Protein backbone atom coordinates (compact mmCIF):
# COMPACT_ATOMS: atom_id res chain seq x y z
CA MET A 1 -21.78 2.11 14.22
CA ASN A 2 -20.93 5.57 15.53
CA PHE A 3 -18.54 6.72 12.78
CA SER A 4 -17.44 9.87 14.58
CA ASN A 5 -16.16 7.90 17.56
CA GLU A 6 -15.01 4.66 15.99
CA LEU A 7 -13.43 6.02 12.82
CA GLY A 8 -11.77 8.96 14.52
CA SER A 9 -10.15 11.45 12.18
CA THR A 10 -9.89 10.05 8.64
CA ILE A 11 -7.81 10.43 5.51
CA VAL A 12 -9.29 9.86 2.06
CA THR A 13 -6.73 9.45 -0.71
CA GLY A 14 -8.17 10.27 -4.11
CA GLY A 15 -10.96 12.13 -2.35
CA ALA A 16 -11.48 14.57 -5.22
CA GLY A 17 -12.23 11.74 -7.61
CA PHE A 18 -15.53 10.17 -8.57
CA ILE A 19 -16.08 7.60 -5.80
CA GLY A 20 -13.80 9.43 -3.38
CA SER A 21 -15.80 12.66 -3.45
CA HIS A 22 -19.07 10.81 -2.86
CA LEU A 23 -17.42 9.07 0.08
CA VAL A 24 -16.23 12.41 1.46
CA ASP A 25 -19.78 13.80 1.23
CA SER A 26 -21.14 10.81 3.16
CA LEU A 27 -18.46 11.00 5.86
CA ILE A 28 -19.08 14.73 6.35
CA ASP A 29 -22.82 14.04 6.60
CA LEU A 30 -21.98 11.57 9.38
CA ASP A 31 -19.98 14.27 11.20
CA VAL A 32 -16.65 12.55 10.58
CA GLU A 33 -13.46 14.61 10.29
CA VAL A 34 -12.11 14.17 6.75
CA ASN A 35 -8.67 15.03 5.39
CA VAL A 36 -8.56 14.67 1.60
CA LEU A 37 -5.23 13.98 -0.09
CA ASP A 38 -5.32 14.27 -3.88
CA ASP A 39 -2.90 15.57 -6.50
CA LEU A 40 -5.84 16.32 -8.86
CA SER A 41 -4.23 14.37 -11.72
CA SER A 42 -7.59 12.71 -12.34
CA GLY A 43 -9.77 14.18 -9.57
CA ASN A 44 -11.58 17.50 -9.71
CA ILE A 45 -11.62 20.01 -6.87
CA ASN A 46 -15.13 21.06 -7.93
CA ASN A 47 -16.35 17.68 -6.67
CA LEU A 48 -15.62 18.87 -3.12
CA LEU A 49 -16.90 22.45 -3.20
CA LYS A 50 -19.98 21.73 -1.09
CA ASN A 51 -17.71 20.85 1.84
CA LYS A 52 -15.32 23.80 1.54
CA GLU A 53 -16.67 25.74 4.52
CA ASN A 54 -17.21 22.71 6.76
CA LYS A 55 -14.88 22.70 9.78
CA LYS A 56 -14.62 18.89 9.58
CA PHE A 57 -13.22 19.06 6.05
CA ARG A 58 -9.63 19.71 4.94
CA PHE A 59 -8.00 19.38 1.51
CA LYS A 60 -4.33 18.97 0.66
CA LYS A 61 -3.06 18.83 -2.91
CA ILE A 62 -0.34 16.20 -2.74
CA ASN A 63 0.72 12.97 -4.44
CA ILE A 64 0.78 10.10 -1.97
CA LYS A 65 4.24 9.10 -3.21
CA ASN A 66 5.55 12.44 -1.94
CA PRO A 67 7.57 11.91 1.31
CA GLU A 68 5.93 15.06 2.68
CA ILE A 69 2.71 13.07 3.02
CA SER A 70 3.87 11.84 6.43
CA LYS A 71 3.10 15.32 7.82
CA GLU A 72 -0.61 14.71 7.10
CA PHE A 73 -0.74 11.66 9.36
CA LYS A 74 -1.30 13.39 12.67
CA GLU A 75 -1.75 11.46 15.92
CA ASP A 76 -5.54 11.42 15.76
CA ILE A 77 -5.74 9.86 12.26
CA LYS A 78 -7.24 6.41 12.85
CA THR A 79 -8.76 5.40 9.50
CA VAL A 80 -7.49 5.71 5.92
CA PHE A 81 -9.77 5.26 2.93
CA HIS A 82 -7.38 4.53 0.07
CA LEU A 83 -9.14 5.33 -3.21
CA SER A 84 -6.30 7.03 -5.06
CA ALA A 85 -5.59 5.09 -8.27
CA ASP A 86 -5.38 5.15 -12.03
CA PRO A 87 -9.09 5.28 -13.00
CA GLU A 88 -8.72 3.69 -16.44
CA VAL A 89 -8.65 -0.10 -16.83
CA ARG A 90 -7.91 -0.05 -20.55
CA SER A 91 -4.95 2.37 -20.57
CA GLY A 92 -2.50 -0.30 -19.44
CA TYR A 93 -1.74 -2.01 -22.77
CA ASP A 94 0.17 0.89 -24.29
CA SER A 95 1.44 2.27 -20.96
CA PRO A 96 1.71 -0.54 -18.39
CA GLU A 97 3.80 1.69 -16.13
CA ILE A 98 0.73 3.84 -15.34
CA SER A 99 -1.00 1.14 -13.30
CA PHE A 100 2.25 0.20 -11.58
CA ASP A 101 3.14 3.77 -10.67
CA ASN A 102 -0.32 5.01 -9.66
CA ASN A 103 -1.63 1.83 -8.06
CA THR A 104 1.07 -0.54 -6.80
CA GLN A 105 3.95 1.84 -6.13
CA ALA A 106 1.69 4.52 -4.67
CA THR A 107 0.08 1.99 -2.33
CA PHE A 108 3.52 0.84 -1.16
CA HIS A 109 4.50 4.43 -0.28
CA LEU A 110 1.20 4.94 1.54
CA LEU A 111 1.64 1.76 3.56
CA GLU A 112 5.15 2.83 4.52
CA THR A 113 3.67 6.02 5.93
CA ILE A 114 0.84 4.20 7.70
CA ARG A 115 3.15 1.77 9.49
CA LYS A 116 4.93 4.69 11.12
CA SER A 117 1.67 6.31 12.22
CA ASN A 118 -1.21 5.65 14.63
CA VAL A 119 -3.58 4.50 11.88
CA GLU A 120 -5.69 1.52 12.94
CA THR A 121 -7.54 0.67 9.71
CA ILE A 122 -7.05 1.02 5.96
CA LEU A 123 -9.99 0.53 3.60
CA PHE A 124 -8.84 -0.19 0.04
CA THR A 125 -10.83 -0.12 -3.18
CA SER A 126 -9.67 -3.05 -5.29
CA SER A 127 -11.41 -4.30 -8.41
CA SER A 128 -13.29 -7.23 -9.93
CA THR A 129 -10.49 -7.28 -12.53
CA VAL A 130 -8.24 -9.13 -10.06
CA TYR A 131 -10.25 -12.29 -10.84
CA GLY A 132 -9.55 -12.27 -14.58
CA GLU A 133 -11.84 -14.55 -16.57
CA THR A 134 -13.43 -16.92 -14.10
CA GLU A 135 -15.14 -20.28 -14.43
CA ILE A 136 -17.63 -19.41 -11.67
CA ILE A 137 -20.11 -16.55 -12.12
CA PRO A 138 -21.18 -14.98 -9.78
CA THR A 139 -17.61 -15.13 -8.50
CA PRO A 140 -17.04 -15.49 -4.71
CA GLU A 141 -14.25 -13.87 -2.70
CA ASP A 142 -12.48 -17.20 -2.19
CA TYR A 143 -12.24 -17.98 -5.90
CA GLY A 144 -8.76 -18.85 -7.06
CA PRO A 145 -6.13 -18.96 -8.27
CA LEU A 146 -6.41 -15.40 -9.52
CA PHE A 147 -5.08 -14.64 -13.00
CA PRO A 148 -5.78 -11.01 -13.98
CA ILE A 149 -5.72 -10.37 -17.74
CA SER A 150 -5.11 -6.60 -17.53
CA HIS A 151 -2.22 -4.60 -16.08
CA TYR A 152 -4.82 -2.71 -14.03
CA GLY A 153 -6.11 -5.94 -12.49
CA SER A 154 -2.61 -7.21 -11.74
CA SER A 155 -1.67 -3.91 -10.09
CA LYS A 156 -4.75 -4.03 -7.86
CA LEU A 157 -3.97 -7.63 -6.88
CA ALA A 158 -0.42 -6.58 -6.01
CA CYS A 159 -1.88 -3.83 -3.80
CA GLU A 160 -4.01 -6.41 -2.01
CA GLY A 161 -0.90 -8.49 -1.32
CA LEU A 162 1.00 -5.50 0.02
CA ILE A 163 -1.88 -4.51 2.29
CA SER A 164 -2.14 -8.05 3.64
CA SER A 165 1.58 -8.29 4.43
CA TYR A 166 1.72 -4.84 6.03
CA CYS A 167 -1.35 -5.53 8.17
CA HIS A 168 0.07 -8.82 9.39
CA ASN A 169 3.52 -7.37 10.05
CA TYR A 170 2.64 -4.03 11.62
CA GLY A 171 -0.63 -4.63 13.42
CA PHE A 172 -3.17 -2.46 11.65
CA LYS A 173 -6.36 -3.70 10.00
CA GLY A 174 -7.10 -3.92 6.27
CA ILE A 175 -10.50 -4.11 4.58
CA ILE A 176 -10.44 -4.71 0.83
CA PHE A 177 -13.42 -4.13 -1.44
CA ARG A 178 -13.37 -5.72 -4.90
CA LEU A 179 -15.63 -3.43 -6.90
CA ALA A 180 -17.81 -4.13 -9.89
CA ASN A 181 -18.37 -1.24 -12.31
CA VAL A 182 -19.34 1.67 -10.05
CA ILE A 183 -21.26 4.45 -11.80
CA GLY A 184 -22.72 7.79 -10.81
CA SER A 185 -22.52 11.55 -11.20
CA ARG A 186 -19.01 13.07 -11.36
CA SER A 187 -17.64 10.07 -13.23
CA ARG A 188 -15.41 10.98 -16.17
CA HIS A 189 -14.68 7.53 -17.54
CA GLY A 190 -16.47 4.28 -18.31
CA VAL A 191 -18.97 3.13 -20.88
CA ILE A 192 -21.79 5.62 -20.16
CA TRP A 193 -19.44 8.61 -20.28
CA ASP A 194 -17.79 7.26 -23.46
CA PHE A 195 -21.13 6.77 -25.21
CA ILE A 196 -22.33 10.28 -24.38
CA LYS A 197 -19.05 11.77 -25.61
CA LYS A 198 -19.35 9.86 -28.89
CA LEU A 199 -22.95 10.97 -29.36
CA GLN A 200 -21.86 14.58 -28.93
CA LYS A 201 -19.89 14.20 -32.15
CA ASP A 202 -22.36 12.09 -34.10
CA THR A 203 -26.03 11.78 -33.14
CA LYS A 204 -26.75 9.27 -35.88
CA GLN A 205 -24.17 6.58 -35.19
CA LEU A 206 -22.67 5.07 -32.05
CA GLU A 207 -19.61 2.83 -32.16
CA VAL A 208 -19.52 0.09 -29.53
CA LEU A 209 -16.15 -1.48 -28.75
CA GLY A 210 -16.22 -5.27 -28.96
CA ASN A 211 -19.29 -7.24 -30.04
CA GLY A 212 -21.66 -5.46 -27.64
CA LYS A 213 -22.45 -8.68 -25.78
CA GLN A 214 -20.04 -7.99 -22.93
CA ASN A 215 -22.20 -8.66 -19.88
CA LYS A 216 -21.28 -7.13 -16.50
CA SER A 217 -22.65 -5.81 -13.22
CA TYR A 218 -23.03 -2.08 -12.57
CA LEU A 219 -23.44 -0.55 -9.12
CA HIS A 220 -24.71 2.92 -8.26
CA VAL A 221 -22.19 4.92 -6.24
CA GLU A 222 -24.70 5.42 -3.39
CA ASP A 223 -24.97 1.65 -2.99
CA CYS A 224 -21.17 1.41 -3.15
CA ILE A 225 -20.65 3.85 -0.27
CA GLU A 226 -23.25 2.08 1.88
CA GLY A 227 -21.42 -1.16 1.18
CA PHE A 228 -18.16 0.39 2.41
CA PHE A 229 -19.76 1.39 5.69
CA LYS A 230 -21.49 -1.95 6.18
CA GLY A 231 -18.29 -3.93 5.68
CA LEU A 232 -16.25 -1.52 7.76
CA SER A 233 -18.64 -1.66 10.70
CA ASN A 234 -18.96 -5.45 10.71
CA SER A 235 -15.56 -6.85 9.79
CA THR A 236 -13.68 -8.58 12.62
CA LYS A 237 -10.70 -9.97 10.68
CA ASN A 238 -7.22 -8.51 10.52
CA VAL A 239 -7.49 -8.56 6.73
CA ASP A 240 -10.91 -8.95 5.14
CA ILE A 241 -12.15 -8.98 1.55
CA PHE A 242 -15.64 -8.11 0.32
CA ASN A 243 -17.08 -8.27 -3.16
CA LEU A 244 -19.14 -5.16 -3.85
CA GLY A 245 -21.36 -5.42 -6.89
CA ASN A 246 -24.91 -6.08 -8.01
CA VAL A 247 -27.37 -8.97 -8.11
CA ASP A 248 -27.55 -8.90 -11.91
CA LYS A 249 -25.72 -7.99 -15.13
CA ILE A 250 -26.41 -5.87 -18.21
CA ASP A 251 -24.90 -6.08 -21.71
CA VAL A 252 -23.24 -3.21 -23.52
CA MET A 253 -25.82 -2.98 -26.32
CA THR A 254 -28.56 -2.44 -23.73
CA ILE A 255 -26.48 0.29 -22.10
CA ALA A 256 -26.08 1.94 -25.49
CA ARG A 257 -29.85 1.97 -26.03
CA ILE A 258 -30.43 3.41 -22.54
CA VAL A 259 -27.96 6.24 -23.19
CA CYS A 260 -29.59 7.02 -26.53
CA SER A 261 -32.97 7.16 -24.78
CA SER A 262 -31.63 9.52 -22.10
CA LEU A 263 -30.47 11.86 -24.85
CA SER A 264 -33.83 11.54 -26.67
CA LEU A 265 -32.07 10.09 -29.69
CA ASN A 266 -34.36 7.61 -31.41
CA ASP A 267 -32.61 7.04 -34.73
CA VAL A 268 -29.08 5.97 -33.80
CA HIS A 269 -27.29 3.20 -35.67
CA ILE A 270 -25.39 1.23 -33.02
CA SER A 271 -22.41 -0.53 -34.59
CA PRO A 272 -20.20 -3.01 -32.67
CA THR A 273 -16.55 -3.12 -33.75
CA GLY A 274 -15.88 -6.78 -32.89
CA ASP A 275 -17.09 -10.07 -34.33
CA GLU A 276 -18.54 -13.00 -32.39
CA GLU A 277 -15.11 -14.46 -31.62
CA ASN A 278 -13.51 -11.15 -30.69
CA GLY A 279 -15.99 -9.95 -28.09
CA ARG A 280 -13.55 -7.84 -26.09
CA GLY A 281 -13.77 -4.08 -26.17
CA TRP A 282 -9.99 -3.85 -25.76
CA ILE A 283 -7.05 -6.08 -24.88
CA GLY A 284 -7.49 -7.04 -21.22
CA ASP A 285 -11.27 -6.56 -21.23
CA VAL A 286 -13.15 -9.18 -19.21
CA THR A 287 -16.30 -9.93 -21.23
CA LYS A 288 -18.41 -11.40 -18.41
CA MET A 289 -18.38 -10.29 -14.80
CA GLN A 290 -20.70 -10.65 -11.86
CA LEU A 291 -19.51 -10.85 -8.27
CA ASP A 292 -21.02 -13.05 -5.60
CA ILE A 293 -22.12 -10.48 -2.99
CA SER A 294 -23.66 -12.92 -0.51
CA LYS A 295 -21.00 -12.11 2.11
CA LEU A 296 -22.11 -8.47 2.31
CA LYS A 297 -25.78 -9.40 1.97
CA LYS A 298 -25.45 -11.52 5.11
CA LEU A 299 -24.50 -8.27 6.88
CA ASP A 300 -27.86 -6.80 5.81
CA TRP A 301 -26.58 -4.87 2.81
CA LYS A 302 -28.00 -5.07 -0.67
CA PRO A 303 -28.07 -2.63 -3.60
CA LYS A 304 -31.15 -0.45 -3.95
CA PHE A 305 -30.77 -0.24 -7.72
CA SER A 306 -30.34 -3.05 -10.25
CA SER A 307 -27.68 -2.73 -12.94
CA SER A 308 -30.15 -1.44 -15.54
CA GLU A 309 -31.78 0.94 -13.05
CA ALA A 310 -28.39 2.32 -12.07
CA VAL A 311 -27.39 2.82 -15.71
CA LYS A 312 -30.64 4.66 -16.47
CA ILE A 313 -30.35 6.88 -13.37
CA VAL A 314 -26.75 7.80 -14.13
CA ALA A 315 -27.31 8.45 -17.84
CA ASP A 316 -30.18 10.78 -16.94
CA GLU A 317 -28.07 12.47 -14.23
CA LEU A 318 -25.17 13.17 -16.57
CA VAL A 319 -27.50 14.67 -19.16
CA MET A 320 -29.81 16.65 -16.85
CA GLN A 321 -27.07 18.01 -14.60
CA GLY A 322 -25.16 19.35 -17.57
CA GLU A 323 -22.06 17.28 -16.83
CA THR A 324 -21.53 16.84 -20.54
CA VAL A 325 -21.51 19.34 -23.38
CA ASN A 326 -24.97 19.75 -24.88
CA VAL A 327 -25.65 17.29 -27.64
CA ARG A 328 -26.67 18.89 -30.92
CA ILE A 329 -29.70 17.03 -32.27
């Protein structure tokens, strides 16, 4: 696929965030014109500094619920990568409005702008959390009915429904990716980041939320971006859904040991907070998750790194690149 010609000029919402900034880097490398829209509420402008002088790159600090966003949708904008979202799954219990405001409502406002523009395709990053707790693992795209158990998951499922209705009513194309746990440099949330932050404070003990047996897939961000491009270049449906995850799973206790190893900490007492019956790390936590990725694999995509390999690479990256405060040993 010739991305410069077929994608045209692009918009990336949430482009200063973790996955968004990696996507921006890849698009620029492919000589695609990229317009980043981000209010920097969770993104970081430093993630985009390498592209600052590139003539194909443009940044606008703006919330996508702002009516002024319509001015950014010039005639040559053909593709929108919609990654702007609340990045925290577990924040919804105490503040359910966060997921609604930053995911569902924001997506509605974006779609309202898109339908009045010349955009031909929207790519949306959904989540494995839309499935809830499933009876089939690995879980295929056609699994249902879907019963999310977190506000985050329900908000992402609502976004999927909005995208489907808008695409069918207004003639543009929607490609939805349901993501497993995506990890990599620049991430500021998730289990690896949390463990490193805890070990900054106490190098002798590490608290693990839940019973430590939560078992899920983890995908390196490089594999994630390649999956986006593979699905985008091969999808022929008006609305299409792809699972994007890994071929295996890893449990939380193993992740904890990998992080300790990356920090050269050999005498850490790892203490789960939950008993055998209460395995969840928080209310709304899905304890087992692996997506069936055979649909993307049939398009000749597969992850380069296993879940454990990805975790080890990312833990080492975060430590070696100084993305965390030095741990006092």
